[in-house]
């Protein structure tokens, strides 16, 4: 199986479900976000998890073409940057997170965007 298809099948449904859950219930995500931001250990550990996931994606799929596959590469690079930021700059991440929690649209809109991207990737992984 092509690496792009495999990653689209893996990442697409996860992003779709997660984005949908975030978009339809921003109040629940606000509560979860509050708990997350109150724990420096959780912020750090999320970086420990996110960084190697991003590295793995980029190592096997550093594709910069003008098609849907570039989304997978971008997700990998974003995961690398987010993982490093969470481990190295937890105070900055807490400040950014606090700002997002203040405005419901800064939760729901990115959630909807994540669902759209996830659905798009899942479509390419399973149906194209």
C-alpha atoms as a PDB file:
ATOM      1  CA  UNK A   1       0.000   0.000   0.000  1.00  0.00           C
ATOM      2  CA  UNK A   2       1.244   3.454  -0.907  1.00  0.00           C
ATOM      3  CA  UNK A   3       2.475   5.458   2.118  1.00  0.00           C
ATOM      4  CA  UNK A   4       0.230   8.409   1.289  1.00  0.00           C
ATOM      5  CA  UNK A   5      -2.855   6.180   1.196  1.00  0.00           C
ATOM      6  CA  UNK A   6      -1.872   4.440   4.433  1.00  0.00           C
ATOM      7  CA  UNK A   7      -1.371   7.754   6.257  1.00  0.00           C
ATOM      8  CA  UNK A   8      -4.594   9.175   4.811  1.00  0.00           C
ATOM      9  CA  UNK A   9      -6.438   6.096   6.123  1.00  0.00           C
ATOM     10  CA  UNK A  10      -4.803   6.498   9.522  1.00  0.00           C
ATOM     11  CA  UNK A  11      -4.798  10.267  10.024  1.00  0.00           C
ATOM     12  CA  UNK A  12      -7.975  11.150   8.107  1.00  0.00           C
ATOM     13  CA  UNK A  13     -10.569   9.349  10.243  1.00  0.00           C
ATOM     14  CA  UNK A  14      -8.840  10.378  13.471  1.00  0.00           C
ATOM     15  CA  UNK A  15      -8.855  14.045  12.456  1.00  0.00           C
ATOM     16  CA  UNK A  16     -12.431  13.814  11.198  1.00  0.00           C
ATOM     17  CA  UNK A  17     -13.805  12.321  14.411  1.00  0.00           C
ATOM     18  CA  UNK A  18     -11.742  14.554  16.682  1.00  0.00           C
ATOM     19  CA  UNK A  19     -12.608  17.683  14.700  1.00  0.00           C
ATOM     20  CA  UNK A  20     -16.293  16.797  14.639  1.00  0.00           C
ATOM     21  CA  UNK A  21     -16.351  16.241  18.400  1.00  0.00           C
ATOM     22  CA  UNK A  22     -14.585  19.557  18.980  1.00  0.00           C
ATOM     23  CA  UNK A  23     -16.869  21.456  16.590  1.00  0.00           C
ATOM     24  CA  UNK A  24     -20.163  20.128  17.923  1.00  0.00           C
ATOM     25  CA  UNK A  25     -19.335  20.430  21.608  1.00  0.00           C
ATOM     26  CA  UNK A  26     -17.035  23.411  22.197  1.00  0.00           C
ATOM     27  CA  UNK A  27     -18.146  23.709  25.836  1.00  0.00           C
ATOM     28  CA  UNK A  28     -16.910  20.184  26.583  1.00  0.00           C
ATOM     29  CA  UNK A  29     -13.643  20.964  24.798  1.00  0.00           C
ATOM     30  CA  UNK A  30     -13.331  24.122  26.895  1.00  0.00           C
ATOM     31  CA  UNK A  31     -13.593  22.005  30.081  1.00  0.00           C
ATOM     32  CA  UNK A  32     -11.066  19.478  28.776  1.00  0.00           C
ATOM     33  CA  UNK A  33      -8.780  22.307  27.645  1.00  0.00           C
ATOM     34  CA  UNK A  34      -8.970  23.891  31.098  1.00  0.00           C
ATOM     35  CA  UNK A  35      -7.890  20.639  32.758  1.00  0.00           C
ATOM     36  CA  UNK A  36      -5.118  20.199  30.184  1.00  0.00           C
ATOM     37  CA  UNK A  37      -3.752  23.730  30.626  1.00  0.00           C
ATOM     38  CA  UNK A  38      -3.761  23.372  34.396  1.00  0.00           C
ATOM     39  CA  UNK A  39      -1.204  20.559  34.138  1.00  0.00           C
ATOM     40  CA  UNK A  40       2.319  21.362  32.997  1.00  0.00           C
ATOM     41  CA  UNK A  41       2.988  17.615  33.051  1.00  0.00           C
ATOM     42  CA  UNK A  42       0.181  16.968  30.536  1.00  0.00           C
ATOM     43  CA  UNK A  43       1.429  19.721  28.269  1.00  0.00           C
ATOM     44  CA  UNK A  44       4.936  18.251  28.380  1.00  0.00           C
ATOM     45  CA  UNK A  45       3.740  14.666  27.845  1.00  0.00           C
ATOM     46  CA  UNK A  46       1.582  15.717  24.902  1.00  0.00           C
ATOM     47  CA  UNK A  47       4.769  17.098  23.361  1.00  0.00           C
ATOM     48  CA  UNK A  48       6.558  13.809  24.075  1.00  0.00           C
ATOM     49  CA  UNK A  49       3.790  12.025  22.154  1.00  0.00           C
ATOM     50  CA  UNK A  50       3.298  14.585  19.369  1.00  0.00           C
ATOM     51  CA  UNK A  51       6.964  15.067  18.434  1.00  0.00           C
ATOM     52  CA  UNK A  52       7.751  11.454  17.458  1.00  0.00           C
ATOM     53  CA  UNK A  53       4.442  11.140  15.601  1.00  0.00           C
ATOM     54  CA  UNK A  54       5.365  14.197  13.548  1.00  0.00           C
ATOM     55  CA  UNK A  55       8.891  12.931  12.974  1.00  0.00           C
ATOM     56  CA  UNK A  56       7.564   9.530  11.855  1.00  0.00           C
ATOM     57  CA  UNK A  57       5.202  11.141   9.354  1.00  0.00           C
ATOM     58  CA  UNK A  58       7.913  13.397   7.921  1.00  0.00           C
ATOM     59  CA  UNK A  59      10.503  10.592   7.746  1.00  0.00           C
ATOM     60  CA  UNK A  60       8.228   8.344   5.680  1.00  0.00           C
ATOM     61  CA  UNK A  61       6.257  11.047   3.882  1.00  0.00           C
ATOM     62  CA  UNK A  62       8.066  14.320   3.167  1.00  0.00           C
ATOM     63  CA  UNK A  63       6.095  14.880  -0.044  1.00  0.00           C
ATOM     64  CA  UNK A  64       5.785  18.417  -1.421  1.00  0.00           C
ATOM     65  CA  UNK A  65       3.586  17.993  -4.490  1.00  0.00           C
ATOM     66  CA  UNK A  66       0.691  20.193  -5.560  1.00  0.00           C
ATOM     67  CA  UNK A  67      -1.961  17.712  -4.473  1.00  0.00           C
ATOM     68  CA  UNK A  68      -3.666  16.296  -1.376  1.00  0.00           C
ATOM     69  CA  UNK A  69      -0.537  14.444  -0.214  1.00  0.00           C
ATOM     70  CA  UNK A  70       1.078  17.709   0.871  1.00  0.00           C
ATOM     71  CA  UNK A  71      -1.555  17.954   3.631  1.00  0.00           C
ATOM     72  CA  UNK A  72      -0.103  14.850   5.231  1.00  0.00           C
ATOM     73  CA  UNK A  73       3.391  16.328   5.144  1.00  0.00           C
ATOM     74  CA  UNK A  74       2.114  19.603   6.622  1.00  0.00           C
ATOM     75  CA  UNK A  75       0.405  17.693   9.435  1.00  0.00           C
ATOM     76  CA  UNK A  76       3.728  15.991  10.169  1.00  0.00           C
ATOM     77  CA  UNK A  77       5.644  19.266  10.281  1.00  0.00           C
ATOM     78  CA  UNK A  78       2.964  20.937  12.399  1.00  0.00           C
ATOM     79  CA  UNK A  79       3.159  17.997  14.831  1.00  0.00           C
ATOM     80  CA  UNK A  80       6.945  18.395  15.051  1.00  0.00           C
ATOM     81  CA  UNK A  81       6.668  22.120  15.787  1.00  0.00           C
ATOM     82  CA  UNK A  82       3.811  21.596  18.265  1.00  0.00           C
ATOM     83  CA  UNK A  83       5.676  18.806  20.050  1.00  0.00           C
ATOM     84  CA  UNK A  84       8.825  20.893  20.459  1.00  0.00           C
ATOM     85  CA  UNK A  85       6.820  23.943  21.568  1.00  0.00           C
ATOM     86  CA  UNK A  86       4.914  21.952  24.190  1.00  0.00           C
ATOM     87  CA  UNK A  87       8.115  20.568  25.670  1.00  0.00           C
ATOM     88  CA  UNK A  88      10.302  23.669  25.396  1.00  0.00           C
ATOM     89  CA  UNK A  89       7.765  26.487  25.881  1.00  0.00           C
ATOM     90  CA  UNK A  90       4.992  25.257  28.182  1.00  0.00           C
ATOM     91  CA  UNK A  91       4.283  28.775  29.484  1.00  0.00           C
ATOM     92  CA  UNK A  92       3.758  30.091  25.956  1.00  0.00           C
ATOM     93  CA  UNK A  93       1.497  27.128  25.170  1.00  0.00           C
ATOM     94  CA  UNK A  94      -0.528  27.813  28.325  1.00  0.00           C
ATOM     95  CA  UNK A  95      -0.918  31.483  27.363  1.00  0.00           C
ATOM     96  CA  UNK A  96      -2.034  30.612  23.825  1.00  0.00           C
ATOM     97  CA  UNK A  97      -4.388  27.967  25.157  1.00  0.00           C
ATOM     98  CA  UNK A  98      -5.900  30.407  27.656  1.00  0.00           C
ATOM     99  CA  UNK A  99      -6.569  32.885  24.838  1.00  0.00           C
ATOM    100  CA  UNK A 100      -8.290  30.188  22.781  1.00  0.00           C
ATOM    101  CA  UNK A 101     -10.477  29.088  25.681  1.00  0.00           C
ATOM    102  CA  UNK A 102     -11.805  32.627  26.081  1.00  0.00           C
ATOM    103  CA  UNK A 103     -13.521  32.576  22.696  1.00  0.00           C
ATOM    104  CA  UNK A 104     -15.837  29.720  21.699  1.00  0.00           C
ATOM    105  CA  UNK A 105     -15.261  30.321  17.980  1.00  0.00           C
ATOM    106  CA  UNK A 106     -11.537  29.686  18.519  1.00  0.00           C
ATOM    107  CA  UNK A 107     -12.548  26.174  19.538  1.00  0.00           C
ATOM    108  CA  UNK A 108     -15.421  25.378  17.165  1.00  0.00           C
ATOM    109  CA  UNK A 109     -13.965  26.821  13.951  1.00  0.00           C
ATOM    110  CA  UNK A 110     -10.610  24.975  14.121  1.00  0.00           C
ATOM    111  CA  UNK A 111     -12.565  21.837  15.063  1.00  0.00           C
ATOM    112  CA  UNK A 112     -14.717  22.165  11.956  1.00  0.00           C
ATOM    113  CA  UNK A 113     -11.626  22.795   9.835  1.00  0.00           C
ATOM    114  CA  UNK A 114      -9.984  19.690  11.316  1.00  0.00           C
ATOM    115  CA  UNK A 115     -13.094  17.636  10.494  1.00  0.00           C
ATOM    116  CA  UNK A 116     -13.067  18.900   6.897  1.00  0.00           C
ATOM    117  CA  UNK A 117      -9.367  18.120   6.433  1.00  0.00           C
ATOM    118  CA  UNK A 118      -9.809  14.721   8.076  1.00  0.00           C
ATOM    119  CA  UNK A 119     -12.773  13.910   5.868  1.00  0.00           C
ATOM    120  CA  UNK A 120     -10.827  15.004   2.793  1.00  0.00           C
ATOM    121  CA  UNK A 121      -7.883  12.770   3.718  1.00  0.00           C
ATOM    122  CA  UNK A 122     -10.156   9.835   4.598  1.00  0.00           C
ATOM    123  CA  UNK A 123     -11.886  10.251   1.229  1.00  0.00           C
ATOM    124  CA  UNK A 124      -8.526  10.029  -0.562  1.00  0.00           C
ATOM    125  CA  UNK A 125      -7.436   7.108   1.601  1.00  0.00           C
ATOM    126  CA  UNK A 126     -10.548   4.979   1.261  1.00  0.00           C
ATOM    127  CA  UNK A 127     -12.365   6.009  -1.893  1.00  0.00           C
ATOM    128  CA  UNK A 128      -9.937   7.386  -4.491  1.00  0.00           C
END
